[in-house]
Amino acid sequence: MAKASPIWQKRLFFIGKIALSFTALYIVYRKVDITNLLNLLWEGEWLWYLPALVCFTLSQFVSALRLNTLFRQIGLTLSEWANLRLYWLGMYYNLLLPGGIGGDAYKVVTLRRRDGVRTRDLVLASLADRAFGLLALILLGLILLFFYPQDLPGVNWIPGLLPLLIILAWGLVRGIQPALLPVFSKVLGWSFLVQGLQVGSVMFLLLMIGQPTHWLGFLILFLASSVLAALPLSYGGAGAREIAFLYGATWLGLAEAPAVVISVLFYSMTLLVSLSGMLFSFRHWDESSSQKPAAT
């Protein structure tokens, strides 16, 4: 039997991701009382949504700075404005294109036309950007889990696990792209700031729905759901975050309805900020607004 063409493989993968998203959402909304969800949204103090949105938007600005820090290490010098526009376009394309990495591919294709920049270095810098974000998510989630008041199995291993993960990450960077080692600590610091701003955003959402207790548990759920949403298993993370909140709430002994509402509200902010990148899509990214790569 003839093999499926690469185009059909991508289409089947895309259809599979949509199917997984719909299946996950179906499971979530079958298990949770929709009336409770709607009541939480209807009775929520929506003024808190604005500072939550501001925190999330700031986290994306910091994330763009992190990416530009990595770009500079491979000899690519972009102005912060040019990098920010490209980053926002990437978020927009990540939302629209199959695979969840369409924006990363767009950035690589756009920047590889520049003299002196190797495609391999661009790809590795983009992957490192995502990997540092994922590392900060895991580390911060483990730290919060260690201080969670409920007695959970395995938490005593966390203090030893944290430095081990950082050492492993450092070793991977050293082995794959040693040019990034000088900014390892700086980029990891940017990553913690990104996640800290997003945690602040979730705290505002908790205030919005009138959830004054169990904040630590909801923040742990958010970080865990962000790890799951970062995996290319669903369309734009839809369904993955909700299913993580639903079953994680059961594990931590939290109310399910507020957990699912938080996931929906956070996803709505992701959509709003990502869609704003459409404004930059009307005008082609201008390479002249950036500087040429530094000579090596």
C-alpha atoms as a PDB file:
ATOM      1  CA  MET A   1       0.000   0.000   0.000  1.00  0.00           C
ATOM      2  CA  ALA A   2       1.296   3.443  -0.932  1.00  0.00           C
ATOM      3  CA  LYS A   3       2.451   5.668   1.856  1.00  0.00           C
ATOM      4  CA  ALA A   4       0.437   8.783   2.706  1.00  0.00           C
ATOM      5  CA  SER A   5       1.929  11.977   1.335  1.00  0.00           C
ATOM      6  CA  PRO A   6       3.457  14.469   3.798  1.00  0.00           C
ATOM      7  CA  ILE A   7       0.544  16.844   3.148  1.00  0.00           C
ATOM      8  CA  TRP A   8      -2.000  14.167   4.016  1.00  0.00           C
ATOM      9  CA  GLN A   9      -0.006  13.178   7.078  1.00  0.00           C
ATOM     10  CA  LYS A  10      -0.156  16.781   8.292  1.00  0.00           C
ATOM     11  CA  ARG A  11      -3.872  16.948   7.566  1.00  0.00           C
ATOM     12  CA  LEU A  12      -4.555  13.709   9.398  1.00  0.00           C
ATOM     13  CA  PHE A  13      -2.468  14.915  12.350  1.00  0.00           C
ATOM     14  CA  PHE A  14      -4.394  18.198  12.362  1.00  0.00           C
ATOM     15  CA  ILE A  15      -7.759  16.375  12.240  1.00  0.00           C
ATOM     16  CA  GLY A  16      -6.602  14.091  15.042  1.00  0.00           C
ATOM     17  CA  LYS A  17      -5.700  17.061  17.233  1.00  0.00           C
ATOM     18  CA  ILE A  18      -9.106  18.653  16.655  1.00  0.00           C
ATOM     19  CA  ALA A  19     -10.781  15.340  17.463  1.00  0.00           C
ATOM     20  CA  LEU A  20      -8.790  15.065  20.712  1.00  0.00           C
ATOM     21  CA  SER A  21      -9.732  18.634  21.660  1.00  0.00           C
ATOM     22  CA  PHE A  22     -13.439  17.986  21.060  1.00  0.00           C
ATOM     23  CA  THR A  23     -13.284  14.672  22.924  1.00  0.00           C
ATOM     24  CA  ALA A  24     -11.575  16.268  25.927  1.00  0.00           C
ATOM     25  CA  LEU A  25     -14.046  19.150  25.989  1.00  0.00           C
ATOM     26  CA  TYR A  26     -16.961  16.710  25.702  1.00  0.00           C
ATOM     27  CA  ILE A  27     -15.663  14.712  28.691  1.00  0.00           C
ATOM     28  CA  VAL A  28     -15.180  17.878  30.750  1.00  0.00           C
ATOM     29  CA  TYR A  29     -18.593  19.357  30.093  1.00  0.00           C
ATOM     30  CA  ARG A  30     -20.315  16.016  30.618  1.00  0.00           C
ATOM     31  CA  LYS A  31     -18.801  15.749  34.108  1.00  0.00           C
ATOM     32  CA  VAL A  32     -19.300  19.347  35.226  1.00  0.00           C
ATOM     33  CA  ASP A  33     -22.630  21.038  35.860  1.00  0.00           C
ATOM     34  CA  ILE A  34     -22.907  23.639  33.074  1.00  0.00           C
ATOM     35  CA  THR A  35     -25.301  25.714  35.201  1.00  0.00           C
ATOM     36  CA  ASN A  36     -22.613  26.139  37.864  1.00  0.00           C
ATOM     37  CA  LEU A  37     -20.111  27.230  35.210  1.00  0.00           C
ATOM     38  CA  LEU A  38     -22.497  29.802  33.764  1.00  0.00           C
ATOM     39  CA  ASN A  39     -23.395  31.119  37.217  1.00  0.00           C
ATOM     40  CA  LEU A  40     -19.741  31.653  38.079  1.00  0.00           C
ATOM     41  CA  LEU A  41     -19.262  33.596  34.849  1.00  0.00           C
ATOM     42  CA  TRP A  42     -22.502  35.565  35.183  1.00  0.00           C
ATOM     43  CA  GLU A  43     -21.897  36.522  38.811  1.00  0.00           C
ATOM     44  CA  GLY A  44     -18.193  37.196  38.368  1.00  0.00           C
ATOM     45  CA  GLU A  45     -16.616  40.600  39.024  1.00  0.00           C
ATOM     46  CA  TRP A  46     -15.520  41.200  35.440  1.00  0.00           C
ATOM     47  CA  LEU A  47     -13.427  44.240  36.363  1.00  0.00           C
ATOM     48  CA  TRP A  48     -10.787  41.751  37.561  1.00  0.00           C
ATOM     49  CA  TYR A  49     -10.538  40.394  34.007  1.00  0.00           C
ATOM     50  CA  LEU A  50      -8.698  43.544  32.887  1.00  0.00           C
ATOM     51  CA  PRO A  51      -5.681  43.252  35.249  1.00  0.00           C
ATOM     52  CA  ALA A  52      -5.607  39.519  34.461  1.00  0.00           C
ATOM     53  CA  LEU A  53      -5.404  40.346  30.760  1.00  0.00           C
ATOM     54  CA  VAL A  54      -2.722  42.972  31.394  1.00  0.00           C
ATOM     55  CA  CYS A  55      -0.600  40.451  33.348  1.00  0.00           C
ATOM     56  CA  PHE A  56      -0.912  37.883  30.588  1.00  0.00           C
ATOM     57  CA  THR A  57      -0.010  40.437  27.917  1.00  0.00           C
ATOM     58  CA  LEU A  58       3.044  41.537  29.918  1.00  0.00           C
ATOM     59  CA  SER A  59       4.102  37.895  30.154  1.00  0.00           C
ATOM     60  CA  GLN A  60       4.178  37.750  26.357  1.00  0.00           C
ATOM     61  CA  PHE A  61       6.302  40.912  26.188  1.00  0.00           C
ATOM     62  CA  VAL A  62       8.804  39.291  28.559  1.00  0.00           C
ATOM     63  CA  SER A  63       8.668  36.089  26.522  1.00  0.00           C
ATOM     64  CA  ALA A  64       9.571  38.100  23.417  1.00  0.00           C
ATOM     65  CA  LEU A  65      12.568  39.576  25.272  1.00  0.00           C
ATOM     66  CA  ARG A  66      13.644  36.053  26.205  1.00  0.00           C
ATOM     67  CA  LEU A  67      13.523  34.951  22.569  1.00  0.00           C
ATOM     68  CA  ASN A  68      15.525  37.971  21.435  1.00  0.00           C
ATOM     69  CA  THR A  69      18.154  37.190  24.069  1.00  0.00           C
ATOM     70  CA  LEU A  70      18.556  33.746  22.498  1.00  0.00           C
ATOM     71  CA  PHE A  71      18.646  35.229  18.986  1.00  0.00           C
ATOM     72  CA  ARG A  72      21.519  37.524  19.952  1.00  0.00           C
ATOM     73  CA  GLN A  73      23.520  34.528  21.146  1.00  0.00           C
ATOM     74  CA  ILE A  74      23.426  32.996  17.668  1.00  0.00           C
ATOM     75  CA  GLY A  75      24.610  36.246  16.062  1.00  0.00           C
ATOM     76  CA  LEU A  76      21.212  37.630  15.043  1.00  0.00           C
ATOM     77  CA  THR A  77      20.598  41.199  16.176  1.00  0.00           C
ATOM     78  CA  LEU A  78      17.002  42.413  15.963  1.00  0.00           C
ATOM     79  CA  SER A  79      15.647  45.626  17.383  1.00  0.00           C
ATOM     80  CA  GLU A  80      13.223  44.944  20.230  1.00  0.00           C
ATOM     81  CA  TRP A  81      10.379  46.411  18.153  1.00  0.00           C
ATOM     82  CA  ALA A  82      11.130  44.207  15.136  1.00  0.00           C
ATOM     83  CA  ASN A  83      11.391  41.155  17.386  1.00  0.00           C
ATOM     84  CA  LEU A  84       8.160  42.044  19.193  1.00  0.00           C
ATOM     85  CA  ARG A  85       6.237  42.386  15.937  1.00  0.00           C
ATOM     86  CA  LEU A  86       7.607  39.056  14.727  1.00  0.00           C
ATOM     87  CA  TYR A  87       6.774  37.413  18.059  1.00  0.00           C
ATOM     88  CA  TRP A  88       3.184  38.680  17.973  1.00  0.00           C
ATOM     89  CA  LEU A  89       2.799  37.458  14.409  1.00  0.00           C
ATOM     90  CA  GLY A  90       4.084  34.090  15.599  1.00  0.00           C
ATOM     91  CA  MET A  91       1.388  33.927  18.289  1.00  0.00           C
ATOM     92  CA  TYR A  92      -1.248  34.705  15.666  1.00  0.00           C
ATOM     93  CA  TYR A  93       0.003  31.992  13.318  1.00  0.00           C
ATOM     94  CA  ASN A  94       0.292  29.513  16.187  1.00  0.00           C
ATOM     95  CA  LEU A  95      -3.425  30.043  16.704  1.00  0.00           C
ATOM     96  CA  LEU A  96      -4.356  29.596  13.051  1.00  0.00           C
ATOM     97  CA  LEU A  97      -1.940  27.049  11.619  1.00  0.00           C
ATOM     98  CA  PRO A  98      -2.032  23.294  12.294  1.00  0.00           C
ATOM     99  CA  GLY A  99       0.540  21.806  14.611  1.00  0.00           C
ATOM    100  CA  GLY A 100       0.752  24.540  17.238  1.00  0.00           C
ATOM    101  CA  ILE A 101       4.238  25.533  16.030  1.00  0.00           C
ATOM    102  CA  GLY A 102       3.182  27.386  12.881  1.00  0.00           C
ATOM    103  CA  GLY A 103       4.355  30.667  14.388  1.00  0.00           C
ATOM    104  CA  ASP A 104       7.782  29.251  15.203  1.00  0.00           C
ATOM    105  CA  ALA A 105       8.121  27.947  11.656  1.00  0.00           C
ATOM    106  CA  TYR A 106       7.113  31.365  10.302  1.00  0.00           C
ATOM    107  CA  LYS A 107       9.833  33.060  12.360  1.00  0.00           C
ATOM    108  CA  VAL A 108      12.461  30.611  11.187  1.00  0.00           C
ATOM    109  CA  VAL A 109      11.463  30.975   7.516  1.00  0.00           C
ATOM    110  CA  THR A 110      11.415  34.772   7.801  1.00  0.00           C
ATOM    111  CA  LEU A 111      14.757  35.094   9.577  1.00  0.00           C
ATOM    112  CA  ARG A 112      16.736  32.479   7.667  1.00  0.00           C
ATOM    113  CA  ARG A 113      16.785  34.788   4.654  1.00  0.00           C
ATOM    114  CA  ARG A 114      19.172  37.013   6.573  1.00  0.00           C
ATOM    115  CA  ASP A 115      22.857  36.702   5.763  1.00  0.00           C
ATOM    116  CA  GLY A 116      24.999  34.780   8.207  1.00  0.00           C
ATOM    117  CA  VAL A 117      22.170  33.074  10.110  1.00  0.00           C
ATOM    118  CA  ARG A 118      22.002  29.303   9.891  1.00  0.00           C
ATOM    119  CA  THR A 119      18.581  27.641   9.820  1.00  0.00           C
ATOM    120  CA  ARG A 120      19.802  25.083  12.356  1.00  0.00           C
ATOM    121  CA  ASP A 121      20.692  27.831  14.839  1.00  0.00           C
ATOM    122  CA  LEU A 122      17.316  29.514  14.378  1.00  0.00           C
ATOM    123  CA  VAL A 123      15.457  26.249  14.929  1.00  0.00           C
ATOM    124  CA  LEU A 124      17.498  25.433  18.039  1.00  0.00           C
ATOM    125  CA  ALA A 125      16.991  28.939  19.450  1.00  0.00           C
ATOM    126  CA  SER A 126      13.217  28.637  18.925  1.00  0.00           C
ATOM    127  CA  LEU A 127      13.155  25.190  20.526  1.00  0.00           C
ATOM    128  CA  ALA A 128      15.289  26.465  23.422  1.00  0.00           C
ATOM    129  CA  ASP A 129      12.802  29.301  23.945  1.00  0.00           C
ATOM    130  CA  ARG A 130       9.991  26.782  24.387  1.00  0.00           C
ATOM    131  CA  ALA A 131      12.146  24.433  26.467  1.00  0.00           C
ATOM    132  CA  PHE A 132      13.142  27.164  28.948  1.00  0.00           C
ATOM    133  CA  GLY A 133       9.484  28.097  29.342  1.00  0.00           C
ATOM    134  CA  LEU A 134       8.569  24.470  29.984  1.00  0.00           C
ATOM    135  CA  LEU A 135      11.420  24.088  32.498  1.00  0.00           C
ATOM    136  CA  ALA A 136      10.252  27.134  34.458  1.00  0.00           C
ATOM    137  CA  LEU A 137       6.681  25.768  34.460  1.00  0.00           C
ATOM    138  CA  ILE A 138       7.808  22.451  35.884  1.00  0.00           C
ATOM    139  CA  LEU A 139      10.156  23.977  38.478  1.00  0.00           C
ATOM    140  CA  LEU A 140       7.598  26.515  39.706  1.00  0.00           C
ATOM    141  CA  GLY A 141       4.870  23.870  39.801  1.00  0.00           C
ATOM    142  CA  LEU A 142       7.061  21.550  41.878  1.00  0.00           C
ATOM    143  CA  ILE A 143       7.933  24.373  44.296  1.00  0.00           C
ATOM    144  CA  LEU A 144       4.241  25.184  44.859  1.00  0.00           C
ATOM    145  CA  LEU A 145       3.409  21.483  45.162  1.00  0.00           C
ATOM    146  CA  PHE A 146       6.049  21.110  47.889  1.00  0.00           C
ATOM    147  CA  PHE A 147       4.286  23.766  49.994  1.00  0.00           C
ATOM    148  CA  TYR A 148       0.780  22.438  49.355  1.00  0.00           C
ATOM    149  CA  PRO A 149      -0.799  21.664  52.774  1.00  0.00           C
ATOM    150  CA  GLN A 150      -2.302  18.352  51.674  1.00  0.00           C
ATOM    151  CA  ASP A 151      -0.083  15.302  52.187  1.00  0.00           C
ATOM    152  CA  LEU A 152       0.773  14.130  48.677  1.00  0.00           C
ATOM    153  CA  PRO A 153       2.990  11.172  47.715  1.00  0.00           C
ATOM    154  CA  GLY A 154       6.490  11.927  46.492  1.00  0.00           C
ATOM    155  CA  VAL A 155       6.711  15.596  47.564  1.00  0.00           C
ATOM    156  CA  ASN A 156       9.708  14.902  49.810  1.00  0.00           C
ATOM    157  CA  TRP A 157      11.763  14.239  46.683  1.00  0.00           C
ATOM    158  CA  ILE A 158      11.122  17.705  45.260  1.00  0.00           C
ATOM    159  CA  PRO A 159      14.049  19.607  46.927  1.00  0.00           C
ATOM    160  CA  GLY A 160      16.511  17.163  45.377  1.00  0.00           C
ATOM    161  CA  LEU A 161      14.684  17.037  42.057  1.00  0.00           C
ATOM    162  CA  LEU A 162      14.828  20.800  41.409  1.00  0.00           C
ATOM    163  CA  PRO A 163      18.641  21.167  41.069  1.00  0.00           C
ATOM    164  CA  LEU A 164      18.769  17.876  39.160  1.00  0.00           C
ATOM    165  CA  LEU A 165      16.373  19.229  36.515  1.00  0.00           C
ATOM    166  CA  ILE A 166      18.402  22.437  36.169  1.00  0.00           C
ATOM    167  CA  ILE A 167      21.649  20.467  35.808  1.00  0.00           C
ATOM    168  CA  LEU A 168      20.066  18.200  33.188  1.00  0.00           C
ATOM    169  CA  ALA A 169      18.795  21.229  31.274  1.00  0.00           C
ATOM    170  CA  TRP A 170      22.245  22.845  31.417  1.00  0.00           C
ATOM    171  CA  GLY A 171      23.793  19.633  30.136  1.00  0.00           C
ATOM    172  CA  LEU A 172      21.339  19.437  27.228  1.00  0.00           C
ATOM    173  CA  VAL A 173      22.091  23.015  26.215  1.00  0.00           C
ATOM    174  CA  ARG A 174      25.835  22.337  26.470  1.00  0.00           C
ATOM    175  CA  GLY A 175      25.521  19.268  24.296  1.00  0.00           C
ATOM    176  CA  ILE A 176      23.129  20.637  21.656  1.00  0.00           C
ATOM    177  CA  GLN A 177      23.822  24.380  21.404  1.00  0.00           C
ATOM    178  CA  PRO A 178      26.689  25.522  23.665  1.00  0.00           C
ATOM    179  CA  ALA A 179      26.477  29.062  22.236  1.00  0.00           C
ATOM    180  CA  LEU A 180      23.432  29.574  24.487  1.00  0.00           C
ATOM    181  CA  LEU A 181      25.216  28.660  27.742  1.00  0.00           C
ATOM    182  CA  PRO A 182      26.341  32.237  28.593  1.00  0.00           C
ATOM    183  CA  VAL A 183      22.684  33.335  28.842  1.00  0.00           C
ATOM    184  CA  PHE A 184      21.370  30.155  30.509  1.00  0.00           C
ATOM    185  CA  SER A 185      20.714  31.845  33.879  1.00  0.00           C
ATOM    186  CA  LYS A 186      19.348  35.023  32.302  1.00  0.00           C
ATOM    187  CA  VAL A 187      16.928  33.184  30.034  1.00  0.00           C
ATOM    188  CA  LEU A 188      15.776  30.936  32.886  1.00  0.00           C
ATOM    189  CA  GLY A 189      15.177  34.090  34.933  1.00  0.00           C
ATOM    190  CA  TRP A 190      13.089  35.573  32.098  1.00  0.00           C
ATOM    191  CA  SER A 191      11.136  32.299  32.021  1.00  0.00           C
ATOM    192  CA  PHE A 192      10.348  32.471  35.744  1.00  0.00           C
ATOM    193  CA  LEU A 193       9.154  36.056  35.254  1.00  0.00           C
ATOM    194  CA  VAL A 194       6.886  34.941  32.393  1.00  0.00           C
ATOM    195  CA  GLN A 195       5.314  32.229  34.534  1.00  0.00           C
ATOM    196  CA  GLY A 196       5.115  34.555  37.543  1.00  0.00           C
ATOM    197  CA  LEU A 197       3.104  37.066  35.515  1.00  0.00           C
ATOM    198  CA  GLN A 198       0.799  34.316  34.294  1.00  0.00           C
ATOM    199  CA  VAL A 199       0.335  33.065  37.856  1.00  0.00           C
ATOM    200  CA  GLY A 200      -0.587  36.656  38.783  1.00  0.00           C
ATOM    201  CA  SER A 201      -3.092  36.622  35.936  1.00  0.00           C
ATOM    202  CA  VAL A 202      -4.730  33.484  37.328  1.00  0.00           C
ATOM    203  CA  MET A 203      -4.892  35.053  40.790  1.00  0.00           C
ATOM    204  CA  PHE A 204      -6.892  37.946  39.319  1.00  0.00           C
ATOM    205  CA  LEU A 205      -9.197  35.431  37.630  1.00  0.00           C
ATOM    206  CA  LEU A 206      -9.722  33.719  40.994  1.00  0.00           C
ATOM    207  CA  LEU A 207     -10.728  37.087  42.458  1.00  0.00           C
ATOM    208  CA  MET A 208     -13.047  37.572  39.505  1.00  0.00           C
ATOM    209  CA  ILE A 209     -15.041  34.406  40.218  1.00  0.00           C
ATOM    210  CA  GLY A 210     -15.022  34.978  43.985  1.00  0.00           C
ATOM    211  CA  GLN A 211     -12.700  32.104  44.927  1.00  0.00           C
ATOM    212  CA  PRO A 212     -10.935  33.395  48.067  1.00  0.00           C
ATOM    213  CA  THR A 213      -9.560  30.051  49.253  1.00  0.00           C
ATOM    214  CA  HIS A 214      -7.382  27.197  47.945  1.00  0.00           C
ATOM    215  CA  TRP A 215      -5.383  29.567  45.716  1.00  0.00           C
ATOM    216  CA  LEU A 216      -2.273  27.418  45.946  1.00  0.00           C
ATOM    217  CA  GLY A 217      -4.115  24.391  44.609  1.00  0.00           C
ATOM    218  CA  PHE A 218      -5.569  26.293  41.662  1.00  0.00           C
ATOM    219  CA  LEU A 219      -2.157  27.751  40.810  1.00  0.00           C
ATOM    220  CA  ILE A 220      -0.621  24.262  40.835  1.00  0.00           C
ATOM    221  CA  LEU A 221      -3.397  23.101  38.515  1.00  0.00           C
ATOM    222  CA  PHE A 222      -2.765  26.024  36.202  1.00  0.00           C
ATOM    223  CA  LEU A 223       0.955  25.274  35.916  1.00  0.00           C
ATOM    224  CA  ALA A 224       0.291  21.557  35.354  1.00  0.00           C
ATOM    225  CA  SER A 225      -2.330  22.346  32.708  1.00  0.00           C
ATOM    226  CA  SER A 226       0.105  24.714  30.982  1.00  0.00           C
ATOM    227  CA  VAL A 227       2.625  21.871  30.666  1.00  0.00           C
ATOM    228  CA  LEU A 228      -0.061  19.665  29.110  1.00  0.00           C
ATOM    229  CA  ALA A 229      -1.298  22.459  26.822  1.00  0.00           C
ATOM    230  CA  ALA A 230       2.273  23.015  25.585  1.00  0.00           C
ATOM    231  CA  LEU A 231       2.389  19.480  24.186  1.00  0.00           C
ATOM    232  CA  PRO A 232       1.246  19.157  20.545  1.00  0.00           C
ATOM    233  CA  LEU A 233      -1.704  16.929  21.442  1.00  0.00           C
ATOM    234  CA  SER A 234      -4.651  19.250  20.930  1.00  0.00           C
ATOM    235  CA  TYR A 235      -5.586  22.249  18.819  1.00  0.00           C
ATOM    236  CA  GLY A 236      -4.116  25.342  20.468  1.00  0.00           C
ATOM    237  CA  GLY A 237      -4.260  23.615  23.862  1.00  0.00           C
ATOM    238  CA  ALA A 238      -8.071  23.570  23.786  1.00  0.00           C
ATOM    239  CA  GLY A 239      -9.375  20.675  25.839  1.00  0.00           C
ATOM    240  CA  ALA A 240      -5.960  19.762  27.245  1.00  0.00           C
ATOM    241  CA  ARG A 241      -6.009  22.571  29.798  1.00  0.00           C
ATOM    242  CA  GLU A 242      -9.629  21.884  30.762  1.00  0.00           C
ATOM    243  CA  ILE A 243      -9.082  18.143  31.257  1.00  0.00           C
ATOM    244  CA  ALA A 244      -6.007  18.850  33.406  1.00  0.00           C
ATOM    245  CA  PHE A 245      -7.981  21.259  35.584  1.00  0.00           C
ATOM    246  CA  LEU A 246     -10.896  18.824  35.912  1.00  0.00           C
ATOM    247  CA  TYR A 247      -8.976  15.742  37.011  1.00  0.00           C
ATOM    248  CA  GLY A 248      -6.337  17.737  38.874  1.00  0.00           C
ATOM    249  CA  ALA A 249      -9.074  19.382  40.941  1.00  0.00           C
ATOM    250  CA  THR A 250     -10.310  15.946  41.968  1.00  0.00           C
ATOM    251  CA  TRP A 251      -6.776  14.881  42.924  1.00  0.00           C
ATOM    252  CA  LEU A 252      -6.185  18.002  45.034  1.00  0.00           C
ATOM    253  CA  GLY A 253      -9.679  17.989  46.530  1.00  0.00           C
ATOM    254  CA  LEU A 254     -10.790  21.243  44.869  1.00  0.00           C
ATOM    255  CA  ALA A 255     -14.143  22.268  43.425  1.00  0.00           C
ATOM    256  CA  GLU A 256     -14.362  21.264  39.761  1.00  0.00           C
ATOM    257  CA  ALA A 257     -16.527  24.096  38.428  1.00  0.00           C
ATOM    258  CA  PRO A 258     -14.201  26.999  39.429  1.00  0.00           C
ATOM    259  CA  ALA A 259     -11.218  25.042  38.075  1.00  0.00           C
ATOM    260  CA  VAL A 260     -12.837  24.598  34.658  1.00  0.00           C
ATOM    261  CA  VAL A 261     -13.980  28.246  34.586  1.00  0.00           C
ATOM    262  CA  ILE A 262     -10.410  29.406  35.239  1.00  0.00           C
ATOM    263  CA  SER A 263      -9.179  27.282  32.340  1.00  0.00           C
ATOM    264  CA  VAL A 264     -11.846  28.739  30.022  1.00  0.00           C
ATOM    265  CA  LEU A 265     -11.097  32.326  31.063  1.00  0.00           C
ATOM    266  CA  PHE A 266      -7.355  31.865  30.641  1.00  0.00           C
ATOM    267  CA  TYR A 267      -7.858  30.361  27.196  1.00  0.00           C
ATOM    268  CA  SER A 268     -10.025  33.355  26.266  1.00  0.00           C
ATOM    269  CA  MET A 269      -7.131  35.678  27.145  1.00  0.00           C
ATOM    270  CA  THR A 270      -4.770  33.579  25.038  1.00  0.00           C
ATOM    271  CA  LEU A 271      -7.172  33.949  22.101  1.00  0.00           C
ATOM    272  CA  LEU A 272      -7.531  37.713  22.529  1.00  0.00           C
ATOM    273  CA  VAL A 273      -3.807  38.407  22.757  1.00  0.00           C
ATOM    274  CA  SER A 274      -2.953  36.019  19.931  1.00  0.00           C
ATOM    275  CA  LEU A 275      -5.635  37.456  17.647  1.00  0.00           C
ATOM    276  CA  SER A 276      -4.187  40.929  18.180  1.00  0.00           C
ATOM    277  CA  GLY A 277      -1.221  39.713  16.127  1.00  0.00           C
ATOM    278  CA  MET A 278      -3.568  39.887  13.133  1.00  0.00           C
ATOM    279  CA  LEU A 279      -2.900  43.633  13.065  1.00  0.00           C
ATOM    280  CA  PHE A 280       0.703  42.929  12.067  1.00  0.00           C
ATOM    281  CA  SER A 281      -0.319  40.408   9.401  1.00  0.00           C
ATOM    282  CA  PHE A 282      -1.721  43.161   7.178  1.00  0.00           C
ATOM    283  CA  ARG A 283       1.793  44.462   6.619  1.00  0.00           C
ATOM    284  CA  HIS A 284       4.705  42.180   5.885  1.00  0.00           C
ATOM    285  CA  TRP A 285       7.345  42.020   8.601  1.00  0.00           C
ATOM    286  CA  ASP A 286       9.968  44.581   7.626  1.00  0.00           C
ATOM    287  CA  GLU A 287      13.498  43.231   7.881  1.00  0.00           C
ATOM    288  CA  SER A 288      14.847  46.747   7.390  1.00  0.00           C
ATOM    289  CA  SER A 289      13.520  47.611  10.852  1.00  0.00           C
ATOM    290  CA  SER A 290      16.151  45.293  12.309  1.00  0.00           C
ATOM    291  CA  GLN A 291      19.893  45.337  12.258  1.00  0.00           C
ATOM    292  CA  LYS A 292      22.010  42.884  10.366  1.00  0.00           C
ATOM    293  CA  PRO A 293      23.655  40.003  12.214  1.00  0.00           C
ATOM    294  CA  ALA A 294      26.712  40.808  14.169  1.00  0.00           C
ATOM    295  CA  ALA A 295      29.931  39.782  12.488  1.00  0.00           C
ATOM    296  CA  THR A 296      31.516  36.614  13.792  1.00  0.00           C
END
